Amino acid sequence: MVDMVSTEKTERFREAVTKWAATAEPGDPATELAAELGVRTAVLLEGPSDVAAVETLAAARGRDLPAEGVCVLSMGGAMNVARYARLLSPSPSTPTPTPALRLTGLCDERERPYYTRAFNEVGAPRQAIHVCTADLEDELIRSLGAPRVMELIEAEGDLRPLRTFLNQPAQRGRSTHQQLRRFFGTTSGRKIHYGGALVAALPPDRTPTPLHNLLTTL
């Protein structure tokens, strides 16, 4: 059963951090609010589709992340990770600094340097960064297999848009895997929707390694 009080506290923290990140507020208020609300771990993700995937997998495994003090954050792009990491780490110059939140995250291979630099800067362990080979959609398509993904797209009512997309000249010569990966990013909201839908369809033993490792270390 989901703890609604914990969920509301986590959402309050998420909204505050997102606002502070946009206005470059210092880190100490964020760690103080985390302590007040019982948030102990912040999961730094590139975007909302990653959030949908992580939250869907957690629910499927019977986890209540807010009740466990875990806040999953969408940063609006990996290049914002340094800002979020600094925001969520207390200033060492503070006489009695608030204990730092535990930071972890999931990113694409090409974005790994941003995460590595940011985590190094605030003293978070590199092992807490979980890396997808290309991106999470790539991992999910490989885990499910292209035929199963096509079945899910049909079940979600998107077969006609997919066929229209596949008829575009730019898609000729690409593998089905590449086409599907590109399809998910063509319309606003589609990537977020399938971030959850693909994870929900995963057999328990087919969870992509980076996603599995992230959840099991929370």
C-alpha atoms as a PDB file:
ATOM      1  CA  MET A   1       0.000   0.000   0.000  1.00  0.00           C
ATOM      2  CA  VAL A   2       1.325   3.425  -0.992  1.00  0.00           C
ATOM      3  CA  ASP A   3       2.041   5.800   1.888  1.00  0.00           C
ATOM      4  CA  MET A   4       0.237   8.960   0.743  1.00  0.00           C
ATOM      5  CA  VAL A   5       1.841  11.156   3.414  1.00  0.00           C
ATOM      6  CA  SER A   6       5.325  10.118   2.274  1.00  0.00           C
ATOM      7  CA  THR A   7       4.314  10.628  -1.346  1.00  0.00           C
ATOM      8  CA  GLU A   8       3.102  14.165  -0.610  1.00  0.00           C
ATOM      9  CA  LYS A   9       6.330  14.976   1.250  1.00  0.00           C
ATOM     10  CA  THR A  10       8.455  13.641  -1.585  1.00  0.00           C
ATOM     11  CA  GLU A  11       6.461  15.622  -4.140  1.00  0.00           C
ATOM     12  CA  ARG A  12       6.934  18.755  -2.049  1.00  0.00           C
ATOM     13  CA  PHE A  13      10.675  18.134  -1.993  1.00  0.00           C
ATOM     14  CA  ARG A  14      10.763  17.438  -5.731  1.00  0.00           C
ATOM     15  CA  GLU A  15       8.922  20.654  -6.544  1.00  0.00           C
ATOM     16  CA  ALA A  16      11.167  22.719  -4.262  1.00  0.00           C
ATOM     17  CA  VAL A  17      14.375  21.274  -5.688  1.00  0.00           C
ATOM     18  CA  THR A  18      13.202  21.808  -9.270  1.00  0.00           C
ATOM     19  CA  LYS A  19      12.393  25.443  -8.460  1.00  0.00           C
ATOM     20  CA  TRP A  20      15.708  25.997  -6.690  1.00  0.00           C
ATOM     21  CA  ALA A  21      17.644  24.398  -9.537  1.00  0.00           C
ATOM     22  CA  ALA A  22      16.035  26.826 -11.963  1.00  0.00           C
ATOM     23  CA  THR A  23      16.965  29.836  -9.819  1.00  0.00           C
ATOM     24  CA  ALA A  24      20.439  28.693  -8.691  1.00  0.00           C
ATOM     25  CA  GLU A  25      19.577  28.702  -4.988  1.00  0.00           C
ATOM     26  CA  PRO A  26      22.327  27.437  -2.650  1.00  0.00           C
ATOM     27  CA  GLY A  27      22.403  23.820  -1.553  1.00  0.00           C
ATOM     28  CA  ASP A  28      21.881  24.133   2.197  1.00  0.00           C
ATOM     29  CA  PRO A  29      18.103  24.839   2.049  1.00  0.00           C
ATOM     30  CA  ALA A  30      17.633  21.680  -0.031  1.00  0.00           C
ATOM     31  CA  THR A  31      19.439  19.435   2.421  1.00  0.00           C
ATOM     32  CA  GLU A  32      17.612  21.064   5.319  1.00  0.00           C
ATOM     33  CA  LEU A  33      14.257  20.421   3.645  1.00  0.00           C
ATOM     34  CA  ALA A  34      15.291  16.838   2.888  1.00  0.00           C
ATOM     35  CA  ALA A  35      16.069  16.257   6.560  1.00  0.00           C
ATOM     36  CA  GLU A  36      12.761  17.836   7.585  1.00  0.00           C
ATOM     37  CA  LEU A  37      10.754  15.671   5.176  1.00  0.00           C
ATOM     38  CA  GLY A  38      12.676  12.431   5.671  1.00  0.00           C
ATOM     39  CA  VAL A  39      14.214  12.287   2.189  1.00  0.00           C
ATOM     40  CA  ARG A  40      17.490  10.374   2.367  1.00  0.00           C
ATOM     41  CA  THR A  41      18.270   9.491  -1.252  1.00  0.00           C
ATOM     42  CA  ALA A  42      17.956  11.527  -4.450  1.00  0.00           C
ATOM     43  CA  VAL A  43      17.904   9.715  -7.792  1.00  0.00           C
ATOM     44  CA  LEU A  44      19.118  12.068 -10.521  1.00  0.00           C
ATOM     45  CA  LEU A  45      17.570  11.233 -13.895  1.00  0.00           C
ATOM     46  CA  GLU A  46      17.840  12.991 -17.237  1.00  0.00           C
ATOM     47  CA  GLY A  47      14.133  13.319 -17.981  1.00  0.00           C
ATOM     48  CA  PRO A  48      10.540  12.319 -17.202  1.00  0.00           C
ATOM     49  CA  SER A  49      10.637   9.124 -19.297  1.00  0.00           C
ATOM     50  CA  ASP A  50      13.392   7.824 -17.009  1.00  0.00           C
ATOM     51  CA  VAL A  51      11.291   8.764 -13.985  1.00  0.00           C
ATOM     52  CA  ALA A  52       8.344   6.824 -15.433  1.00  0.00           C
ATOM     53  CA  ALA A  53      10.547   3.776 -15.958  1.00  0.00           C
ATOM     54  CA  VAL A  54      12.061   3.818 -12.468  1.00  0.00           C
ATOM     55  CA  GLU A  55       8.748   4.417 -10.712  1.00  0.00           C
ATOM     56  CA  THR A  56       6.981   1.720 -12.756  1.00  0.00           C
ATOM     57  CA  LEU A  57       9.678  -0.843 -11.975  1.00  0.00           C
ATOM     58  CA  ALA A  58       9.629   0.080  -8.284  1.00  0.00           C
ATOM     59  CA  ALA A  59       5.853  -0.389  -8.133  1.00  0.00           C
ATOM     60  CA  ALA A  60       6.090  -3.718  -9.968  1.00  0.00           C
ATOM     61  CA  ARG A  61       8.548  -4.930  -7.347  1.00  0.00           C
ATOM     62  CA  GLY A  62       6.385  -3.805  -4.465  1.00  0.00           C
ATOM     63  CA  ARG A  63       8.586  -0.870  -3.528  1.00  0.00           C
ATOM     64  CA  ASP A  64       7.221   2.394  -2.122  1.00  0.00           C
ATOM     65  CA  LEU A  65      10.117   4.746  -2.814  1.00  0.00           C
ATOM     66  CA  PRO A  66       8.683   7.833  -1.056  1.00  0.00           C
ATOM     67  CA  ALA A  67       8.063   5.781   2.087  1.00  0.00           C
ATOM     68  CA  GLU A  68      11.677   4.631   1.879  1.00  0.00           C
ATOM     69  CA  GLY A  69      12.909   8.234   1.743  1.00  0.00           C
ATOM     70  CA  VAL A  70      13.792   8.076  -1.958  1.00  0.00           C
ATOM     71  CA  CYS A  71      13.019  11.004  -4.259  1.00  0.00           C
ATOM     72  CA  VAL A  72      13.265  10.456  -8.017  1.00  0.00           C
ATOM     73  CA  LEU A  73      14.142  13.699  -9.816  1.00  0.00           C
ATOM     74  CA  SER A  74      13.895  14.670 -13.473  1.00  0.00           C
ATOM     75  CA  MET A  75      16.588  17.261 -14.193  1.00  0.00           C
ATOM     76  CA  GLY A  76      15.586  18.311 -17.703  1.00  0.00           C
ATOM     77  CA  GLY A  77      18.802  17.018 -19.244  1.00  0.00           C
ATOM     78  CA  ALA A  78      22.086  15.505 -18.101  1.00  0.00           C
ATOM     79  CA  MET A  79      23.923  18.813 -18.405  1.00  0.00           C
ATOM     80  CA  ASN A  80      22.006  19.962 -15.306  1.00  0.00           C
ATOM     81  CA  VAL A  81      23.429  17.230 -13.097  1.00  0.00           C
ATOM     82  CA  ALA A  82      26.196  19.414 -11.624  1.00  0.00           C
ATOM     83  CA  ARG A  83      23.637  22.025 -10.557  1.00  0.00           C
ATOM     84  CA  TYR A  84      21.451  19.407  -8.901  1.00  0.00           C
ATOM     85  CA  ALA A  85      24.388  17.672  -7.233  1.00  0.00           C
ATOM     86  CA  ARG A  86      25.618  20.945  -5.731  1.00  0.00           C
ATOM     87  CA  LEU A  87      22.108  21.879  -4.663  1.00  0.00           C
ATOM     88  CA  LEU A  88      21.654  18.574  -2.843  1.00  0.00           C
ATOM     89  CA  SER A  89      25.028  18.657  -1.093  1.00  0.00           C
ATOM     90  CA  PRO A  90      25.609  20.815   1.992  1.00  0.00           C
ATOM     91  CA  SER A  91      28.174  23.568   1.894  1.00  0.00           C
ATOM     92  CA  PRO A  92      31.411  22.503   3.677  1.00  0.00           C
ATOM     93  CA  SER A  93      31.761  26.067   4.972  1.00  0.00           C
ATOM     94  CA  THR A  94      28.600  25.754   7.053  1.00  0.00           C
ATOM     95  CA  PRO A  95      29.580  25.422  10.766  1.00  0.00           C
ATOM     96  CA  THR A  96      27.197  22.509  11.346  1.00  0.00           C
ATOM     97  CA  PRO A  97      26.259  21.289   7.845  1.00  0.00           C
ATOM     98  CA  THR A  98      23.172  19.208   7.285  1.00  0.00           C
ATOM     99  CA  PRO A  99      24.106  15.618   6.404  1.00  0.00           C
ATOM    100  CA  ALA A 100      24.397  15.159   2.661  1.00  0.00           C
ATOM    101  CA  LEU A 101      21.738  13.282   0.767  1.00  0.00           C
ATOM    102  CA  ARG A 102      22.850  10.059  -0.827  1.00  0.00           C
ATOM    103  CA  LEU A 103      23.042  10.696  -4.575  1.00  0.00           C
ATOM    104  CA  THR A 104      22.587   8.116  -7.296  1.00  0.00           C
ATOM    105  CA  GLY A 105      21.515   8.260 -10.912  1.00  0.00           C
ATOM    106  CA  LEU A 106      20.895   6.667 -14.289  1.00  0.00           C
ATOM    107  CA  CYS A 107      22.237   8.120 -17.520  1.00  0.00           C
ATOM    108  CA  ASP A 108      23.085   7.427 -21.157  1.00  0.00           C
ATOM    109  CA  GLU A 109      26.636   6.438 -22.033  1.00  0.00           C
ATOM    110  CA  ARG A 110      27.284   9.708 -23.862  1.00  0.00           C
ATOM    111  CA  GLU A 111      26.194  11.652 -20.767  1.00  0.00           C
ATOM    112  CA  ARG A 112      28.413   9.746 -18.345  1.00  0.00           C
ATOM    113  CA  PRO A 113      31.117  12.492 -18.231  1.00  0.00           C
ATOM    114  CA  TYR A 114      28.600  15.041 -16.928  1.00  0.00           C
ATOM    115  CA  TYR A 115      27.596  12.706 -14.114  1.00  0.00           C
ATOM    116  CA  THR A 116      31.155  11.702 -13.295  1.00  0.00           C
ATOM    117  CA  ARG A 117      32.339  15.298 -12.971  1.00  0.00           C
ATOM    118  CA  ALA A 118      29.311  16.300 -10.906  1.00  0.00           C
ATOM    119  CA  PHE A 119      29.581  13.351  -8.523  1.00  0.00           C
ATOM    120  CA  ASN A 120      33.323  13.870  -8.125  1.00  0.00           C
ATOM    121  CA  GLU A 121      32.762  17.540  -7.310  1.00  0.00           C
ATOM    122  CA  VAL A 122      30.465  16.788  -4.366  1.00  0.00           C
ATOM    123  CA  GLY A 123      32.203  13.609  -3.216  1.00  0.00           C
ATOM    124  CA  ALA A 124      29.491  11.163  -4.321  1.00  0.00           C
ATOM    125  CA  PRO A 125      30.753   7.720  -5.402  1.00  0.00           C
ATOM    126  CA  ARG A 126      31.064   6.991  -9.111  1.00  0.00           C
ATOM    127  CA  GLN A 127      29.651   3.523  -8.442  1.00  0.00           C
ATOM    128  CA  ALA A 128      26.316   5.222  -7.785  1.00  0.00           C
ATOM    129  CA  ILE A 129      26.089   6.162 -11.485  1.00  0.00           C
ATOM    130  CA  HIS A 130      24.304   3.493 -13.526  1.00  0.00           C
ATOM    131  CA  VAL A 131      24.922   3.770 -17.264  1.00  0.00           C
ATOM    132  CA  CYS A 132      22.821   2.619 -20.218  1.00  0.00           C
ATOM    133  CA  THR A 133      24.737   1.464 -23.293  1.00  0.00           C
ATOM    134  CA  ALA A 134      23.020   3.998 -25.551  1.00  0.00           C
ATOM    135  CA  ASP A 135      19.929   5.127 -23.665  1.00  0.00           C
ATOM    136  CA  LEU A 136      17.152   3.569 -21.602  1.00  0.00           C
ATOM    137  CA  GLU A 137      14.857   3.074 -24.610  1.00  0.00           C
ATOM    138  CA  ASP A 138      17.631   1.149 -26.337  1.00  0.00           C
ATOM    139  CA  GLU A 139      18.038  -1.054 -23.263  1.00  0.00           C
ATOM    140  CA  LEU A 140      14.305  -1.728 -23.016  1.00  0.00           C
ATOM    141  CA  ILE A 141      13.902  -2.582 -26.710  1.00  0.00           C
ATOM    142  CA  ARG A 142      16.802  -5.018 -26.508  1.00  0.00           C
ATOM    143  CA  SER A 143      15.402  -6.621 -23.358  1.00  0.00           C
ATOM    144  CA  LEU A 144      11.901  -7.064 -24.759  1.00  0.00           C
ATOM    145  CA  GLY A 145      12.844  -7.709 -28.379  1.00  0.00           C
ATOM    146  CA  ALA A 146      11.521  -5.717 -31.337  1.00  0.00           C
ATOM    147  CA  PRO A 147       8.558  -8.080 -32.048  1.00  0.00           C
ATOM    148  CA  ARG A 148       7.266  -7.715 -28.477  1.00  0.00           C
ATOM    149  CA  VAL A 149       7.699  -3.938 -28.615  1.00  0.00           C
ATOM    150  CA  MET A 150       5.659  -3.872 -31.840  1.00  0.00           C
ATOM    151  CA  GLU A 151       2.906  -5.819 -30.064  1.00  0.00           C
ATOM    152  CA  LEU A 152       2.895  -3.286 -27.243  1.00  0.00           C
ATOM    153  CA  ILE A 153       2.705  -0.376 -29.668  1.00  0.00           C
ATOM    154  CA  GLU A 154      -0.299  -1.992 -31.330  1.00  0.00           C
ATOM    155  CA  ALA A 155      -1.926  -2.638 -27.943  1.00  0.00           C
ATOM    156  CA  GLU A 156      -1.431   1.029 -27.036  1.00  0.00           C
ATOM    157  CA  GLY A 157      -3.199   2.130 -30.237  1.00  0.00           C
ATOM    158  CA  ASP A 158      -0.112   3.567 -31.911  1.00  0.00           C
ATOM    159  CA  LEU A 159       0.260   1.133 -34.805  1.00  0.00           C
ATOM    160  CA  ARG A 160      -1.017   3.603 -37.413  1.00  0.00           C
ATOM    161  CA  PRO A 161       1.372   6.400 -36.324  1.00  0.00           C
ATOM    162  CA  LEU A 162       4.190   3.847 -36.334  1.00  0.00           C
ATOM    163  CA  ARG A 163       3.411   2.754 -39.888  1.00  0.00           C
ATOM    164  CA  THR A 164       3.298   6.381 -41.019  1.00  0.00           C
ATOM    165  CA  PHE A 165       6.652   6.969 -39.334  1.00  0.00           C
ATOM    166  CA  LEU A 166       8.220   3.876 -40.924  1.00  0.00           C
ATOM    167  CA  ASN A 167       7.178   5.060 -44.393  1.00  0.00           C
ATOM    168  CA  GLN A 168       9.334   8.175 -44.063  1.00  0.00           C
ATOM    169  CA  PRO A 169      12.375   8.139 -46.369  1.00  0.00           C
ATOM    170  CA  ALA A 170      14.707   8.818 -43.412  1.00  0.00           C
ATOM    171  CA  GLN A 171      13.767   5.465 -41.891  1.00  0.00           C
ATOM    172  CA  ARG A 172      14.797   3.389 -44.884  1.00  0.00           C
ATOM    173  CA  GLY A 173      17.876   1.322 -44.249  1.00  0.00           C
ATOM    174  CA  ARG A 174      17.575   1.516 -40.480  1.00  0.00           C
ATOM    175  CA  SER A 175      17.101  -1.606 -38.394  1.00  0.00           C
ATOM    176  CA  THR A 176      13.738  -2.198 -36.700  1.00  0.00           C
ATOM    177  CA  HIS A 177      15.450  -1.597 -33.377  1.00  0.00           C
ATOM    178  CA  GLN A 178      16.734   1.807 -34.535  1.00  0.00           C
ATOM    179  CA  GLN A 179      13.350   2.732 -35.976  1.00  0.00           C
ATOM    180  CA  LEU A 180      11.509   1.889 -32.768  1.00  0.00           C
ATOM    181  CA  ARG A 181      13.973   3.825 -30.665  1.00  0.00           C
ATOM    182  CA  ARG A 182      13.516   6.879 -32.872  1.00  0.00           C
ATOM    183  CA  PHE A 183       9.727   6.492 -32.943  1.00  0.00           C
ATOM    184  CA  PHE A 184       9.409   6.889 -29.192  1.00  0.00           C
ATOM    185  CA  GLY A 185      10.938  10.366 -29.361  1.00  0.00           C
ATOM    186  CA  THR A 186       8.884  11.760 -32.242  1.00  0.00           C
ATOM    187  CA  THR A 187       5.836  13.076 -30.357  1.00  0.00           C
ATOM    188  CA  SER A 188       5.588  14.976 -27.088  1.00  0.00           C
ATOM    189  CA  GLY A 189       4.660  12.638 -24.262  1.00  0.00           C
ATOM    190  CA  ARG A 190       5.227   9.403 -26.190  1.00  0.00           C
ATOM    191  CA  LYS A 191       8.646   8.737 -24.689  1.00  0.00           C
ATOM    192  CA  ILE A 192       7.273   9.274 -21.189  1.00  0.00           C
ATOM    193  CA  HIS A 193       4.305   6.990 -21.824  1.00  0.00           C
ATOM    194  CA  TYR A 194       6.419   4.160 -23.182  1.00  0.00           C
ATOM    195  CA  GLY A 195       9.021   4.617 -20.471  1.00  0.00           C
ATOM    196  CA  GLY A 196       6.405   3.155 -18.155  1.00  0.00           C
ATOM    197  CA  ALA A 197       4.647   0.844 -20.635  1.00  0.00           C
ATOM    198  CA  LEU A 198       7.800  -0.976 -21.732  1.00  0.00           C
ATOM    199  CA  VAL A 199       8.976  -1.487 -18.166  1.00  0.00           C
ATOM    200  CA  ALA A 200       5.545  -2.783 -17.142  1.00  0.00           C
ATOM    201  CA  ALA A 201       5.809  -5.446 -19.875  1.00  0.00           C
ATOM    202  CA  LEU A 202       9.225  -6.710 -18.800  1.00  0.00           C
ATOM    203  CA  PRO A 203       9.446 -10.281 -17.494  1.00  0.00           C
ATOM    204  CA  PRO A 204      11.093 -10.239 -14.039  1.00  0.00           C
ATOM    205  CA  ASP A 205      14.315 -11.739 -15.394  1.00  0.00           C
ATOM    206  CA  ARG A 206      14.638  -9.357 -18.348  1.00  0.00           C
ATOM    207  CA  THR A 207      15.085  -6.018 -16.599  1.00  0.00           C
ATOM    208  CA  PRO A 208      17.997  -4.097 -18.179  1.00  0.00           C
ATOM    209  CA  THR A 209      21.054  -4.315 -15.961  1.00  0.00           C
ATOM    210  CA  PRO A 210      21.469  -0.548 -15.331  1.00  0.00           C
ATOM    211  CA  LEU A 211      17.826  -0.192 -14.298  1.00  0.00           C
ATOM    212  CA  HIS A 212      17.923  -3.328 -12.153  1.00  0.00           C
ATOM    213  CA  ASN A 213      21.131  -2.268 -10.428  1.00  0.00           C
ATOM    214  CA  LEU A 214      19.807   1.224  -9.743  1.00  0.00           C
ATOM    215  CA  LEU A 215      16.679  -0.072  -8.037  1.00  0.00           C
ATOM    216  CA  THR A 216      18.425  -2.787  -6.035  1.00  0.00           C
ATOM    217  CA  THR A 217      20.898  -0.269  -4.596  1.00  0.00           C
ATOM    218  CA  LEU A 218      18.228   2.151  -3.401  1.00  0.00           C
END
